[in-house]
C-alpha atoms as a PDB file:
ATOM      1  CA  UNK A   1     -19.085 -32.759  10.066  1.00  0.00           C
ATOM      2  CA  UNK A   2     -15.565 -32.722   8.573  1.00  0.00           C
ATOM      3  CA  UNK A   3     -12.819 -34.977   9.809  1.00  0.00           C
ATOM      4  CA  UNK A   4     -10.812 -33.572  12.695  1.00  0.00           C
ATOM      5  CA  UNK A   5      -7.031 -33.653  12.546  1.00  0.00           C
ATOM      6  CA  UNK A   6      -5.025 -34.874  15.500  1.00  0.00           C
ATOM      7  CA  UNK A   7      -3.797 -31.546  16.825  1.00  0.00           C
ATOM      8  CA  UNK A   8      -1.629 -33.367  19.380  1.00  0.00           C
ATOM      9  CA  UNK A   9       0.404 -35.089  16.663  1.00  0.00           C
ATOM     10  CA  UNK A  10       4.037 -34.017  16.565  1.00  0.00           C
ATOM     11  CA  UNK A  11       4.517 -34.901  12.893  1.00  0.00           C
ATOM     12  CA  UNK A  12       6.628 -31.951  11.766  1.00  0.00           C
ATOM     13  CA  UNK A  13       5.832 -29.663   8.872  1.00  0.00           C
ATOM     14  CA  UNK A  14       8.646 -27.821   7.103  1.00  0.00           C
ATOM     15  CA  UNK A  15      10.151 -25.926  10.027  1.00  0.00           C
ATOM     16  CA  UNK A  16      10.037 -22.156   9.684  1.00  0.00           C
ATOM     17  CA  UNK A  17      11.235 -20.696  12.949  1.00  0.00           C
ATOM     18  CA  UNK A  18       9.916 -17.439  14.371  1.00  0.00           C
ATOM     19  CA  UNK A  19      13.096 -15.461  13.683  1.00  0.00           C
ATOM     20  CA  UNK A  20      12.834 -16.284   9.962  1.00  0.00           C
ATOM     21  CA  UNK A  21       9.058 -16.072   9.587  1.00  0.00           C
ATOM     22  CA  UNK A  22       7.690 -13.293   7.380  1.00  0.00           C
ATOM     23  CA  UNK A  23       4.630 -13.050   9.668  1.00  0.00           C
ATOM     24  CA  UNK A  24       6.643 -12.408  12.825  1.00  0.00           C
ATOM     25  CA  UNK A  25       5.677  -8.726  12.971  1.00  0.00           C
ATOM     26  CA  UNK A  26       1.981  -9.632  12.639  1.00  0.00           C
ATOM     27  CA  UNK A  27       1.487 -12.322  15.284  1.00  0.00           C
ATOM     28  CA  UNK A  28       4.256 -11.549  17.802  1.00  0.00           C
ATOM     29  CA  UNK A  29       4.946  -8.561  20.050  1.00  0.00           C
ATOM     30  CA  UNK A  30       7.071  -6.008  18.241  1.00  0.00           C
ATOM     31  CA  UNK A  31      10.787  -5.561  18.943  1.00  0.00           C
ATOM     32  CA  UNK A  32      11.286  -8.837  20.802  1.00  0.00           C
ATOM     33  CA  UNK A  33      14.836  -9.414  22.022  1.00  0.00           C
ATOM     34  CA  UNK A  34      16.559 -12.411  20.426  1.00  0.00           C
ATOM     35  CA  UNK A  35      16.674 -14.419  23.666  1.00  0.00           C
ATOM     36  CA  UNK A  36      12.931 -13.857  24.239  1.00  0.00           C
ATOM     37  CA  UNK A  37      12.229 -14.795  20.623  1.00  0.00           C
ATOM     38  CA  UNK A  38      14.214 -18.025  21.004  1.00  0.00           C
ATOM     39  CA  UNK A  39      12.329 -18.838  24.207  1.00  0.00           C
ATOM     40  CA  UNK A  40       9.007 -18.316  22.445  1.00  0.00           C
ATOM     41  CA  UNK A  41      10.154 -20.319  19.428  1.00  0.00           C
ATOM     42  CA  UNK A  42      11.082 -23.263  21.665  1.00  0.00           C
ATOM     43  CA  UNK A  43       7.457 -23.508  22.829  1.00  0.00           C
ATOM     44  CA  UNK A  44       5.878 -23.241  19.380  1.00  0.00           C
ATOM     45  CA  UNK A  45       4.839 -26.526  17.769  1.00  0.00           C
ATOM     46  CA  UNK A  46       4.551 -26.938  14.010  1.00  0.00           C
ATOM     47  CA  UNK A  47       2.216 -29.823  13.093  1.00  0.00           C
ATOM     48  CA  UNK A  48       1.723 -31.321   9.659  1.00  0.00           C
ATOM     49  CA  UNK A  49      -0.362 -29.293   7.168  1.00  0.00           C
ATOM     50  CA  UNK A  50      -4.138 -29.459   7.467  1.00  0.00           C
ATOM     51  CA  UNK A  51      -5.881 -30.529   4.293  1.00  0.00           C
ATOM     52  CA  UNK A  52      -8.825 -28.607   2.852  1.00  0.00           C
ATOM     53  CA  UNK A  53     -12.055 -29.441   4.692  1.00  0.00           C
ATOM     54  CA  UNK A  54     -10.364 -30.917   7.780  1.00  0.00           C
ATOM     55  CA  UNK A  55     -11.201 -29.483  11.196  1.00  0.00           C
ATOM     56  CA  UNK A  56      -8.486 -27.874  13.274  1.00  0.00           C
ATOM     57  CA  UNK A  57     -10.741 -28.293  16.299  1.00  0.00           C
ATOM     58  CA  UNK A  58     -14.459 -28.764  16.957  1.00  0.00           C
ATOM     59  CA  UNK A  59     -16.927 -26.911  19.144  1.00  0.00           C
ATOM     60  CA  UNK A  60     -16.959 -28.357  22.642  1.00  0.00           C
ATOM     61  CA  UNK A  61     -13.381 -29.648  22.483  1.00  0.00           C
ATOM     62  CA  UNK A  62     -11.001 -28.720  25.280  1.00  0.00           C
ATOM     63  CA  UNK A  63      -8.769 -25.744  24.539  1.00  0.00           C
ATOM     64  CA  UNK A  64      -5.159 -26.932  24.647  1.00  0.00           C
ATOM     65  CA  UNK A  65      -3.587 -24.645  22.047  1.00  0.00           C
ATOM     66  CA  UNK A  66      -3.825 -21.325  20.307  1.00  0.00           C
ATOM     67  CA  UNK A  67      -3.196 -21.578  16.570  1.00  0.00           C
ATOM     68  CA  UNK A  68      -1.470 -19.015  14.354  1.00  0.00           C
ATOM     69  CA  UNK A  69      -2.276 -19.451  10.671  1.00  0.00           C
ATOM     70  CA  UNK A  70       1.022 -19.617   8.784  1.00  0.00           C
ATOM     71  CA  UNK A  71      -0.302 -20.258   5.288  1.00  0.00           C
ATOM     72  CA  UNK A  72      -3.747 -20.939   3.861  1.00  0.00           C
ATOM     73  CA  UNK A  73      -6.935 -19.886   5.627  1.00  0.00           C
ATOM     74  CA  UNK A  74      -9.477 -21.088   8.189  1.00  0.00           C
ATOM     75  CA  UNK A  75     -13.242 -20.726   8.564  1.00  0.00           C
ATOM     76  CA  UNK A  76     -14.993 -20.883  11.937  1.00  0.00           C
ATOM     77  CA  UNK A  77     -18.614 -21.935  12.322  1.00  0.00           C
ATOM     78  CA  UNK A  78     -21.298 -22.963  14.776  1.00  0.00           C
ATOM     79  CA  UNK A  79     -24.205 -25.339  14.296  1.00  0.00           C
ATOM     80  CA  UNK A  80     -27.635 -23.800  14.754  1.00  0.00           C
ATOM     81  CA  UNK A  81     -30.526 -25.521  16.525  1.00  0.00           C
ATOM     82  CA  UNK A  82     -31.717 -27.049  13.236  1.00  0.00           C
ATOM     83  CA  UNK A  83     -28.268 -28.468  12.477  1.00  0.00           C
ATOM     84  CA  UNK A  84     -27.301 -25.979   9.779  1.00  0.00           C
ATOM     85  CA  UNK A  85     -23.942 -24.208   9.712  1.00  0.00           C
ATOM     86  CA  UNK A  86     -23.466 -20.530  10.529  1.00  0.00           C
ATOM     87  CA  UNK A  87     -20.086 -19.115   9.538  1.00  0.00           C
ATOM     88  CA  UNK A  88     -18.664 -16.844  12.235  1.00  0.00           C
ATOM     89  CA  UNK A  89     -15.293 -15.822  10.818  1.00  0.00           C
ATOM     90  CA  UNK A  90     -12.427 -16.241   8.373  1.00  0.00           C
ATOM     91  CA  UNK A  91      -8.770 -16.296   9.433  1.00  0.00           C
ATOM     92  CA  UNK A  92      -5.776 -15.370   7.283  1.00  0.00           C
ATOM     93  CA  UNK A  93      -1.999 -15.879   7.689  1.00  0.00           C
ATOM     94  CA  UNK A  94      -0.726 -14.213  10.846  1.00  0.00           C
ATOM     95  CA  UNK A  95      -4.104 -14.340  12.590  1.00  0.00           C
ATOM     96  CA  UNK A  96      -4.780 -16.353  15.748  1.00  0.00           C
ATOM     97  CA  UNK A  97      -7.499 -19.021  15.963  1.00  0.00           C
ATOM     98  CA  UNK A  98      -8.772 -20.436  19.263  1.00  0.00           C
ATOM     99  CA  UNK A  99      -9.217 -17.358  21.423  1.00  0.00           C
ATOM    100  CA  UNK A 100     -12.952 -18.150  21.600  1.00  0.00           C
ATOM    101  CA  UNK A 101     -12.428 -20.910  24.137  1.00  0.00           C
ATOM    102  CA  UNK A 102      -9.946 -19.435  26.592  1.00  0.00           C
ATOM    103  CA  UNK A 103     -12.533 -18.130  29.068  1.00  0.00           C
ATOM    104  CA  UNK A 104     -14.635 -21.294  29.249  1.00  0.00           C
ATOM    105  CA  UNK A 105     -11.925 -23.869  28.628  1.00  0.00           C
ATOM    106  CA  UNK A 106     -13.670 -25.339  25.579  1.00  0.00           C
ATOM    107  CA  UNK A 107     -14.100 -24.137  22.018  1.00  0.00           C
ATOM    108  CA  UNK A 108     -17.348 -22.364  21.146  1.00  0.00           C
ATOM    109  CA  UNK A 109     -16.791 -22.821  17.403  1.00  0.00           C
ATOM    110  CA  UNK A 110     -15.483 -25.386  14.939  1.00  0.00           C
ATOM    111  CA  UNK A 111     -12.479 -24.337  12.822  1.00  0.00           C
ATOM    112  CA  UNK A 112     -12.098 -25.782   9.313  1.00  0.00           C
ATOM    113  CA  UNK A 113      -9.319 -25.335   6.746  1.00  0.00           C
ATOM    114  CA  UNK A 114     -10.587 -23.570   3.617  1.00  0.00           C
ATOM    115  CA  UNK A 115      -7.534 -24.803   1.712  1.00  0.00           C
ATOM    116  CA  UNK A 116      -4.353 -26.673   2.523  1.00  0.00           C
ATOM    117  CA  UNK A 117      -3.247 -24.785   5.617  1.00  0.00           C
ATOM    118  CA  UNK A 118      -0.239 -24.754   7.913  1.00  0.00           C
ATOM    119  CA  UNK A 119      -0.385 -23.477  11.478  1.00  0.00           C
ATOM    120  CA  UNK A 120       1.874 -22.871  14.429  1.00  0.00           C
ATOM    121  CA  UNK A 121       0.381 -23.884  17.752  1.00  0.00           C
ATOM    122  CA  UNK A 122       1.162 -22.555  21.195  1.00  0.00           C
ATOM    123  CA  UNK A 123       0.369 -24.799  24.191  1.00  0.00           C
ATOM    124  CA  UNK A 124      -1.773 -22.901  26.668  1.00  0.00           C
ATOM    125  CA  UNK A 125      -0.314 -24.873  29.563  1.00  0.00           C
ATOM    126  CA  UNK A 126       2.961 -22.974  29.201  1.00  0.00           C
ATOM    127  CA  UNK A 127       1.397 -19.554  28.740  1.00  0.00           C
ATOM    128  CA  UNK A 128       1.980 -18.280  32.290  1.00  0.00           C
ATOM    129  CA  UNK A 129       5.706 -19.004  32.059  1.00  0.00           C
ATOM    130  CA  UNK A 130       5.883 -17.356  28.643  1.00  0.00           C
ATOM    131  CA  UNK A 131       4.204 -14.215  29.976  1.00  0.00           C
ATOM    132  CA  UNK A 132       7.077 -13.913  32.451  1.00  0.00           C
ATOM    133  CA  UNK A 133       9.768 -14.739  29.890  1.00  0.00           C
ATOM    134  CA  UNK A 134       8.567 -12.928  26.760  1.00  0.00           C
ATOM    135  CA  UNK A 135       8.060  -9.183  27.328  1.00  0.00           C
ATOM    136  CA  UNK A 136       4.904  -7.857  25.750  1.00  0.00           C
ATOM    137  CA  UNK A 137       3.276 -11.249  25.187  1.00  0.00           C
ATOM    138  CA  UNK A 138       0.494 -10.686  27.729  1.00  0.00           C
ATOM    139  CA  UNK A 139      -0.282  -7.297  26.170  1.00  0.00           C
ATOM    140  CA  UNK A 140      -0.267  -8.904  22.726  1.00  0.00           C
ATOM    141  CA  UNK A 141      -2.794 -11.508  23.873  1.00  0.00           C
ATOM    142  CA  UNK A 142      -5.007  -8.738  25.243  1.00  0.00           C
ATOM    143  CA  UNK A 143      -4.704  -6.889  21.941  1.00  0.00           C
ATOM    144  CA  UNK A 144      -5.699 -10.005  20.000  1.00  0.00           C
ATOM    145  CA  UNK A 145      -8.660 -10.617  22.309  1.00  0.00           C
ATOM    146  CA  UNK A 146      -9.713  -6.999  21.832  1.00  0.00           C
ATOM    147  CA  UNK A 147      -9.479  -7.367  18.057  1.00  0.00           C
ATOM    148  CA  UNK A 148     -11.669 -10.484  18.240  1.00  0.00           C
ATOM    149  CA  UNK A 149     -14.306  -8.554  20.208  1.00  0.00           C
ATOM    150  CA  UNK A 150     -14.139  -5.663  17.739  1.00  0.00           C
ATOM    151  CA  UNK A 151     -14.538  -8.114  14.852  1.00  0.00           C
ATOM    152  CA  UNK A 152     -17.662  -9.574  16.474  1.00  0.00           C
ATOM    153  CA  UNK A 153     -19.064  -6.075  16.959  1.00  0.00           C
ATOM    154  CA  UNK A 154     -18.445  -5.231  13.297  1.00  0.00           C
ATOM    155  CA  UNK A 155     -20.238  -8.396  12.255  1.00  0.00           C
ATOM    156  CA  UNK A 156     -23.256  -7.586  14.457  1.00  0.00           C
ATOM    157  CA  UNK A 157     -23.385  -4.147  12.823  1.00  0.00           C
ATOM    158  CA  UNK A 158     -22.989  -5.766   9.428  1.00  0.00           C
ATOM    159  CA  UNK A 159     -25.941  -8.093   9.952  1.00  0.00           C
ATOM    160  CA  UNK A 160     -28.148  -5.761  11.938  1.00  0.00           C
ATOM    161  CA  UNK A 161     -27.954  -2.400  10.227  1.00  0.00           C
ATOM    162  CA  UNK A 162     -26.349  -2.618   6.793  1.00  0.00           C
ATOM    163  CA  UNK A 163     -28.001  -3.197   3.447  1.00  0.00           C
ATOM    164  CA  UNK A 164     -26.945  -6.202   1.382  1.00  0.00           C
ATOM    165  CA  UNK A 165     -24.720  -3.997  -0.807  1.00  0.00           C
ATOM    166  CA  UNK A 166     -23.102  -2.416   2.243  1.00  0.00           C
ATOM    167  CA  UNK A 167     -22.394  -5.843   3.755  1.00  0.00           C
ATOM    168  CA  UNK A 168     -20.527  -6.988   0.655  1.00  0.00           C
ATOM    169  CA  UNK A 169     -18.663  -3.668   0.344  1.00  0.00           C
ATOM    170  CA  UNK A 170     -17.698  -3.663   4.021  1.00  0.00           C
ATOM    171  CA  UNK A 171     -16.430  -7.233   3.839  1.00  0.00           C
ATOM    172  CA  UNK A 172     -14.274  -6.527   0.782  1.00  0.00           C
ATOM    173  CA  UNK A 173     -12.744  -3.422   2.365  1.00  0.00           C
ATOM    174  CA  UNK A 174     -12.041  -5.225   5.643  1.00  0.00           C
ATOM    175  CA  UNK A 175     -10.588  -8.257   3.849  1.00  0.00           C
ATOM    176  CA  UNK A 176      -8.296  -6.021   1.806  1.00  0.00           C
ATOM    177  CA  UNK A 177      -7.187  -4.114   4.896  1.00  0.00           C
ATOM    178  CA  UNK A 178      -6.267  -7.340   6.680  1.00  0.00           C
ATOM    179  CA  UNK A 179      -4.199  -8.448   3.695  1.00  0.00           C
ATOM    180  CA  UNK A 180      -2.534  -5.049   3.534  1.00  0.00           C
ATOM    181  CA  UNK A 181      -1.367  -5.412   7.148  1.00  0.00           C
ATOM    182  CA  UNK A 182       0.498  -8.514   5.969  1.00  0.00           C
ATOM    183  CA  UNK A 183       2.260  -6.642   3.178  1.00  0.00           C
ATOM    184  CA  UNK A 184      -0.139  -7.872   0.481  1.00  0.00           C
ATOM    185  CA  UNK A 185      -2.341  -5.924  -1.892  1.00  0.00           C
ATOM    186  CA  UNK A 186      -5.563  -4.512  -0.460  1.00  0.00           C
ATOM    187  CA  UNK A 187      -6.976  -4.045  -3.952  1.00  0.00           C
ATOM    188  CA  UNK A 188      -6.229  -7.312  -5.727  1.00  0.00           C
ATOM    189  CA  UNK A 189      -6.627 -10.683  -4.029  1.00  0.00           C
ATOM    190  CA  UNK A 190      -8.039 -14.194  -4.183  1.00  0.00           C
ATOM    191  CA  UNK A 191     -10.865 -14.977  -1.779  1.00  0.00           C
ATOM    192  CA  UNK A 192     -10.389 -18.423  -0.190  1.00  0.00           C
ATOM    193  CA  UNK A 193     -14.045 -18.894   0.688  1.00  0.00           C
ATOM    194  CA  UNK A 194     -16.828 -19.972  -1.683  1.00  0.00           C
ATOM    195  CA  UNK A 195     -19.757 -17.714  -2.531  1.00  0.00           C
ATOM    196  CA  UNK A 196     -21.933 -19.942  -0.349  1.00  0.00           C
ATOM    197  CA  UNK A 197     -19.592 -19.556   2.636  1.00  0.00           C
ATOM    198  CA  UNK A 198     -19.384 -15.798   2.132  1.00  0.00           C
ATOM    199  CA  UNK A 199     -23.160 -15.478   1.807  1.00  0.00           C
ATOM    200  CA  UNK A 200     -23.623 -17.542   4.954  1.00  0.00           C
ATOM    201  CA  UNK A 201     -21.256 -15.256   6.871  1.00  0.00           C
ATOM    202  CA  UNK A 202     -22.998 -12.114   5.597  1.00  0.00           C
ATOM    203  CA  UNK A 203     -26.487 -13.445   6.305  1.00  0.00           C
ATOM    204  CA  UNK A 204     -27.480 -13.262   2.635  1.00  0.00           C
ATOM    205  CA  UNK A 205     -28.688 -15.678  -0.018  1.00  0.00           C
ATOM    206  CA  UNK A 206     -26.022 -16.967  -2.412  1.00  0.00           C
ATOM    207  CA  UNK A 207     -28.020 -15.554  -5.316  1.00  0.00           C
ATOM    208  CA  UNK A 208     -27.991 -12.117  -3.685  1.00  0.00           C
ATOM    209  CA  UNK A 209     -24.210 -12.148  -3.257  1.00  0.00           C
ATOM    210  CA  UNK A 210     -23.671 -13.294  -6.853  1.00  0.00           C
ATOM    211  CA  UNK A 211     -26.035 -10.602  -8.126  1.00  0.00           C
ATOM    212  CA  UNK A 212     -24.247  -7.909  -6.116  1.00  0.00           C
ATOM    213  CA  UNK A 213     -20.835  -8.945  -7.420  1.00  0.00           C
ATOM    214  CA  UNK A 214     -22.219  -8.796 -10.960  1.00  0.00           C
ATOM    215  CA  UNK A 215     -23.696  -5.348 -10.332  1.00  0.00           C
ATOM    216  CA  UNK A 216     -20.469  -3.990  -8.850  1.00  0.00           C
ATOM    217  CA  UNK A 217     -18.571  -5.353 -11.831  1.00  0.00           C
ATOM    218  CA  UNK A 218     -20.994  -3.737 -14.280  1.00  0.00           C
ATOM    219  CA  UNK A 219     -20.630  -0.427 -12.418  1.00  0.00           C
ATOM    220  CA  UNK A 220     -16.852  -0.569 -12.757  1.00  0.00           C
ATOM    221  CA  UNK A 221     -16.289  -0.923  -9.021  1.00  0.00           C
ATOM    222  CA  UNK A 222     -14.816  -4.437  -9.173  1.00  0.00           C
ATOM    223  CA  UNK A 223     -13.185  -6.812 -11.588  1.00  0.00           C
ATOM    224  CA  UNK A 224     -14.361 -10.335 -10.746  1.00  0.00           C
ATOM    225  CA  UNK A 225     -13.021 -13.625 -12.092  1.00  0.00           C
ATOM    226  CA  UNK A 226     -14.445 -16.400  -9.929  1.00  0.00           C
ATOM    227  CA  UNK A 227     -12.616 -15.903  -6.608  1.00  0.00           C
ATOM    228  CA  UNK A 228     -10.134 -13.389  -8.005  1.00  0.00           C
ATOM    229  CA  UNK A 229     -11.154  -9.856  -7.004  1.00  0.00           C
ATOM    230  CA  UNK A 230      -9.705  -6.515  -8.073  1.00  0.00           C
ATOM    231  CA  UNK A 231     -11.104  -3.374  -6.461  1.00  0.00           C
ATOM    232  CA  UNK A 232     -11.133  -0.660  -9.125  1.00  0.00           C
ATOM    233  CA  UNK A 233     -13.026   2.009  -7.184  1.00  0.00           C
ATOM    234  CA  UNK A 234     -12.504   1.748  -3.426  1.00  0.00           C
ATOM    235  CA  UNK A 235     -14.219   5.120  -2.901  1.00  0.00           C
ATOM    236  CA  UNK A 236     -17.430   3.623  -4.301  1.00  0.00           C
ATOM    237  CA  UNK A 237     -17.227   0.785  -1.762  1.00  0.00           C
ATOM    238  CA  UNK A 238     -16.676   3.297   1.051  1.00  0.00           C
ATOM    239  CA  UNK A 239     -19.724   5.218  -0.187  1.00  0.00           C
ATOM    240  CA  UNK A 240     -21.846   2.067   0.037  1.00  0.00           C
ATOM    241  CA  UNK A 241     -20.644   1.524   3.602  1.00  0.00           C
ATOM    242  CA  UNK A 242     -21.351   5.152   4.488  1.00  0.00           C
ATOM    243  CA  UNK A 243     -17.731   6.138   5.109  1.00  0.00           C
ATOM    244  CA  UNK A 244     -18.096   9.798   4.151  1.00  0.00           C
ATOM    245  CA  UNK A 245     -14.727  10.755   5.678  1.00  0.00           C
ATOM    246  CA  UNK A 246     -12.818   8.444   3.322  1.00  0.00           C
ATOM    247  CA  UNK A 247     -14.850   9.587   0.323  1.00  0.00           C
ATOM    248  CA  UNK A 248     -14.180  13.224   1.167  1.00  0.00           C
ATOM    249  CA  UNK A 249     -10.437  12.586   1.461  1.00  0.00           C
ATOM    250  CA  UNK A 250     -10.440  10.728  -1.860  1.00  0.00           C
ATOM    251  CA  UNK A 251     -12.232  13.622  -3.544  1.00  0.00           C
ATOM    252  CA  UNK A 252      -9.725  16.088  -2.065  1.00  0.00           C
ATOM    253  CA  UNK A 253      -6.805  14.040  -3.403  1.00  0.00           C
ATOM    254  CA  UNK A 254      -8.442  13.824  -6.810  1.00  0.00           C
ATOM    255  CA  UNK A 255      -8.993  17.595  -6.908  1.00  0.00           C
ATOM    256  CA  UNK A 256      -5.399  18.252  -5.815  1.00  0.00           C
ATOM    257  CA  UNK A 257      -4.073  16.067  -8.629  1.00  0.00           C
ATOM    258  CA  UNK A 258      -6.372  17.564 -11.269  1.00  0.00           C
END
């Protein structure tokens, strides 16, 4: 098990306050008044960066904070009955880690930095006061919890009903969409996870994932250079997933431009 960082340490990282953070519109309620934003910012703690492979928290630990990824990325996992790891999710800048443990008071998963990662942490002990002070925060927390449930449902569908090709295609489309919401390219990106970690998440063998990436590259759907991915034909990925509505719209646009 990886080393766990001291999430109670107050060693400061480079301070980037909420009102100057480029991810403000992603992880905070929209249109916050300046006084509410300052109140929220006063409660946010900014610990030292987490090195690659270190645990942000471990399964079973008490939930004291919610964590917003500021830079880098995080993988969550559980240990199965035979002691092997099962990846349950990947978190990108602007996304919140730690919602899994709010109901029970302890974390159900372990969270590990995939690369050098910085986070903002929000003490749960002050959450009730913040709900009263920061308009929209309670609704934002409900929205985030709903997104987490929807993500779990998509993963169950991914593992239970989709072919191996569809799993890879669906993951790439979803990953690109999440980046796009942060103002980044949905078609060209670097994947922070290894092939092994991705295969583990998708419930596939590493060899299967590598073979599928090679096939999609040969078919002109992707350009692949290690972890660098460029989607050349998003309609083909939507076809693999079974998204006929998107494919139909793409064909209509192509015909209109012909």
